[in-house]
């Protein structure tokens, strides 16, 4: 007996959500009936998932846009942390994440830390790509879009003196976080961060933060 497949889409742009649904429903991607639910913010989606579980059901697939406009310079809230919350309350659900732009640090960090079953960048949301991703994830396989795969599998420059904390410093500087505020995002003292930043500048032979960020982007470090 075929079962219905329940899919939750967490997306605040109606056209994008509709495009995802239309793509998945096209060409008889799978033989089962697919039921969609759309939530436009993270809090509502968590409540939706909890109510589903209370009814002894769960979402087979949860498609989440991790950039729903919750960007706050003071907090730098990104939606990938919502993946961990989803895992905690619905461990049987498979997660497909959509990220707004190609950001190497975030892509690598998301895959290593949150392990979504699927990950795609917004500009790659074509019908064929969505169909391939949905089929793969339903069949218990991971699927990363071409750009994501390139970022994740491409060997970074062998800059052996730079570790993950150094890359975090570069990433948050690129987001406009001031030096004095870096301690709110990185588990180091301000003096340690400043010493590390100077080390990076010396190694990359750059004098200003602007030059440092431009070089980090050029080297695909962030």
Protein backbone atom coordinates (compact mmCIF):
# COMPACT_ATOMS: atom_id res chain seq x y z
CA UNK A 1 0.00 0.00 0.00
CA UNK A 2 1.41 3.36 -1.02
CA UNK A 3 1.72 5.99 1.65
CA UNK A 4 1.35 9.73 1.37
CA UNK A 5 4.54 11.78 1.56
CA UNK A 6 4.28 14.87 3.75
CA UNK A 7 6.59 17.75 2.86
CA UNK A 8 7.10 20.96 4.82
CA UNK A 9 8.50 23.99 2.98
CA UNK A 10 9.91 26.80 5.13
CA UNK A 11 10.09 29.76 2.76
CA UNK A 12 8.80 33.32 2.98
CA UNK A 13 8.63 34.02 -0.76
CA UNK A 14 5.33 32.62 -2.13
CA UNK A 15 6.66 32.37 -5.70
CA UNK A 16 9.68 30.34 -4.58
CA UNK A 17 7.51 28.02 -2.47
CA UNK A 18 5.10 27.55 -5.39
CA UNK A 19 7.99 26.88 -7.75
CA UNK A 20 9.33 24.18 -5.43
CA UNK A 21 5.92 22.52 -5.21
CA UNK A 22 5.32 22.71 -8.97
CA UNK A 23 8.73 21.22 -9.73
CA UNK A 24 8.32 18.32 -7.33
CA UNK A 25 4.80 17.58 -8.61
CA UNK A 26 5.87 17.66 -12.26
CA UNK A 27 6.69 14.57 -14.32
CA UNK A 28 5.44 12.20 -11.60
CA UNK A 29 8.68 12.51 -9.63
CA UNK A 30 7.49 9.76 -7.29
CA UNK A 31 4.41 7.55 -7.41
CA UNK A 32 3.23 8.41 -3.90
CA UNK A 33 0.83 11.26 -3.17
CA UNK A 34 2.69 14.33 -1.91
CA UNK A 35 1.07 16.66 0.63
CA UNK A 36 2.63 20.09 1.08
CA UNK A 37 2.58 22.48 4.03
CA UNK A 38 4.24 25.90 3.77
CA UNK A 39 5.41 28.02 6.71
CA UNK A 40 6.95 31.45 6.27
CA UNK A 41 9.02 31.65 9.45
CA UNK A 42 11.07 29.37 11.67
CA UNK A 43 8.96 29.57 14.83
CA UNK A 44 5.75 28.58 13.03
CA UNK A 45 7.54 25.70 11.33
CA UNK A 46 8.71 24.24 14.63
CA UNK A 47 5.16 24.38 15.97
CA UNK A 48 3.88 22.72 12.79
CA UNK A 49 6.40 19.89 13.18
CA UNK A 50 5.49 19.40 16.84
CA UNK A 51 1.76 19.22 16.05
CA UNK A 52 2.45 16.66 13.32
CA UNK A 53 4.36 14.50 15.76
CA UNK A 54 1.54 14.77 18.30
CA UNK A 55 -0.70 13.23 15.62
CA UNK A 56 1.81 10.38 15.24
CA UNK A 57 2.99 11.67 11.88
CA UNK A 58 6.17 13.26 10.63
CA UNK A 59 7.35 15.19 7.59
CA UNK A 60 9.34 12.92 5.28
CA UNK A 61 11.05 15.95 3.76
CA UNK A 62 11.58 19.42 5.25
CA UNK A 63 12.82 22.04 2.78
CA UNK A 64 14.22 25.05 4.61
CA UNK A 65 15.50 28.36 3.31
CA UNK A 66 18.23 29.22 5.80
CA UNK A 67 18.17 32.91 4.76
CA UNK A 68 14.66 34.11 5.56
CA UNK A 69 15.63 37.72 6.14
CA UNK A 70 16.50 37.18 9.81
CA UNK A 71 19.89 38.77 9.29
CA UNK A 72 20.76 41.06 12.19
CA UNK A 73 24.23 42.57 12.32
CA UNK A 74 24.21 42.46 16.12
CA UNK A 75 23.37 38.75 16.24
CA UNK A 76 24.06 37.45 12.74
CA UNK A 77 21.24 34.94 12.95
CA UNK A 78 21.41 32.33 10.21
CA UNK A 79 18.80 29.68 9.69
CA UNK A 80 21.14 26.70 9.63
CA UNK A 81 20.80 26.50 13.41
CA UNK A 82 17.16 25.65 12.77
CA UNK A 83 18.33 22.37 11.23
CA UNK A 84 19.59 21.29 14.65
CA UNK A 85 16.20 22.15 16.19
CA UNK A 86 14.40 20.19 13.49
CA UNK A 87 16.69 17.20 14.07
CA UNK A 88 15.96 17.33 17.79
CA UNK A 89 12.17 17.20 17.48
CA UNK A 90 11.82 15.20 14.24
CA UNK A 91 14.89 12.97 13.79
CA UNK A 92 13.24 10.90 11.04
CA UNK A 93 12.76 13.90 8.75
CA UNK A 94 15.17 14.50 5.90
CA UNK A 95 16.30 18.11 5.49
CA UNK A 96 16.94 19.97 2.25
CA UNK A 97 18.51 23.39 2.79
CA UNK A 98 18.44 26.39 0.48
CA UNK A 99 21.13 29.03 0.97
CA UNK A 100 20.85 32.46 -0.63
CA UNK A 101 24.36 32.86 -2.01
CA UNK A 102 27.66 31.04 -2.43
CA UNK A 103 29.48 31.54 0.87
CA UNK A 104 32.23 28.97 1.20
CA UNK A 105 32.57 29.07 4.97
CA UNK A 106 28.84 28.71 5.59
CA UNK A 107 28.47 25.90 3.07
CA UNK A 108 31.34 23.90 4.53
CA UNK A 109 30.25 24.59 8.09
CA UNK A 110 26.63 23.62 7.37
CA UNK A 111 27.58 20.29 5.79
CA UNK A 112 30.06 19.37 8.52
CA UNK A 113 28.01 20.56 11.49
CA UNK A 114 24.35 20.18 10.51
CA UNK A 115 24.58 17.52 7.78
CA UNK A 116 21.49 18.32 5.68
CA UNK A 117 20.50 15.56 3.28
CA UNK A 118 20.31 18.14 0.50
CA UNK A 119 21.88 21.56 -0.01
CA UNK A 120 21.40 23.96 -2.91
CA UNK A 121 22.09 27.64 -3.61
CA UNK A 122 19.06 29.76 -4.49
CA UNK A 123 20.19 30.63 -8.03
CA UNK A 124 20.38 26.90 -8.82
CA UNK A 125 16.70 26.26 -8.06
CA UNK A 126 15.76 24.93 -11.49
CA UNK A 127 13.07 22.34 -12.04
CA UNK A 128 15.54 19.63 -13.06
CA UNK A 129 17.80 20.31 -10.08
CA UNK A 130 14.89 20.19 -7.63
CA UNK A 131 13.59 16.97 -9.16
CA UNK A 132 17.00 15.28 -8.95
CA UNK A 133 17.48 16.46 -5.38
CA UNK A 134 14.05 15.36 -4.22
CA UNK A 135 14.40 11.91 -5.82
CA UNK A 136 17.82 11.40 -4.26
CA UNK A 137 16.80 12.45 -0.77
CA UNK A 138 13.62 10.33 -0.89
CA UNK A 139 15.86 7.39 -1.83
CA UNK A 140 18.02 8.01 1.27
CA UNK A 141 20.91 9.59 -0.61
CA UNK A 142 22.56 12.94 -0.01
CA UNK A 143 22.39 15.50 -2.80
CA UNK A 144 24.43 18.68 -3.09
CA UNK A 145 24.04 21.01 -6.05
CA UNK A 146 26.96 21.43 -8.43
CA UNK A 147 28.17 24.67 -6.85
CA UNK A 148 27.84 23.28 -3.33
CA UNK A 149 29.73 20.12 -4.30
CA UNK A 150 32.50 22.20 -5.85
CA UNK A 151 32.86 24.28 -2.70
CA UNK A 152 32.77 21.28 -0.38
CA UNK A 153 35.03 18.94 -2.31
CA UNK A 154 37.45 21.47 -3.74
CA UNK A 155 40.69 21.38 -1.84
CA UNK A 156 41.40 24.72 -0.25
CA UNK A 157 44.73 26.37 -0.64
CA UNK A 158 47.22 24.71 1.61
CA UNK A 159 47.41 27.59 4.05
CA UNK A 160 48.45 25.43 6.93
CA UNK A 161 48.80 28.28 9.40
CA UNK A 162 45.09 29.19 9.13
CA UNK A 163 42.63 27.16 11.18
CA UNK A 164 38.86 27.27 11.59
CA UNK A 165 38.96 30.18 14.05
CA UNK A 166 41.00 32.22 11.57
CA UNK A 167 38.42 31.50 8.86
CA UNK A 168 35.63 32.51 11.25
CA UNK A 169 37.38 35.82 11.85
CA UNK A 170 37.58 36.45 8.11
CA UNK A 171 33.95 35.43 7.61
CA UNK A 172 32.50 37.70 10.28
CA UNK A 173 34.68 40.61 9.21
CA UNK A 174 33.25 40.17 5.71
CA UNK A 175 29.77 40.51 7.25
CA UNK A 176 30.63 43.91 8.67
CA UNK A 177 31.21 42.86 12.28
CA UNK A 178 33.55 45.30 14.01
CA UNK A 179 36.71 44.09 15.74
CA UNK A 180 35.37 44.78 19.22
CA UNK A 181 32.23 42.75 18.50
CA UNK A 182 33.96 39.64 17.16
CA UNK A 183 34.00 38.20 20.69
CA UNK A 184 30.19 37.85 20.40
CA UNK A 185 30.63 35.34 17.58
CA UNK A 186 33.97 33.65 18.23
CA UNK A 187 34.96 31.87 21.44
CA UNK A 188 38.18 33.79 21.98
CA UNK A 189 39.23 36.86 23.89
CA UNK A 190 39.54 40.15 22.00
CA UNK A 191 43.33 40.15 22.42
CA UNK A 192 43.55 36.63 20.96
CA UNK A 193 41.37 37.63 18.01
CA UNK A 194 43.47 40.71 17.33
CA UNK A 195 46.68 38.65 17.43
CA UNK A 196 45.18 36.09 15.07
CA UNK A 197 43.99 38.78 12.68
CA UNK A 198 47.44 40.32 12.57
CA UNK A 199 48.92 36.88 11.90
CA UNK A 200 46.55 36.44 8.96
CA UNK A 201 47.45 39.88 7.61
CA UNK A 202 51.14 39.09 7.86
CA UNK A 203 50.73 35.74 6.15
CA UNK A 204 48.60 37.11 3.31
CA UNK A 205 50.67 40.30 3.13
CA UNK A 206 47.72 42.66 3.57
CA UNK A 207 47.50 45.88 5.58
CA UNK A 208 43.79 46.67 5.90
CA UNK A 209 40.67 44.68 6.76
CA UNK A 210 39.23 45.52 3.33
CA UNK A 211 42.28 44.07 1.57
CA UNK A 212 42.17 41.06 3.87
CA UNK A 213 38.54 40.30 3.07
CA UNK A 214 39.08 40.76 -0.67
CA UNK A 215 42.02 38.35 -0.57
CA UNK A 216 40.08 35.80 1.50
CA UNK A 217 37.26 35.86 -1.08
CA UNK A 218 39.74 35.57 -3.94
CA UNK A 219 41.33 32.52 -2.28
CA UNK A 220 37.90 30.94 -1.68
CA UNK A 221 38.45 30.96 2.06
CA UNK A 222 35.05 32.52 2.79
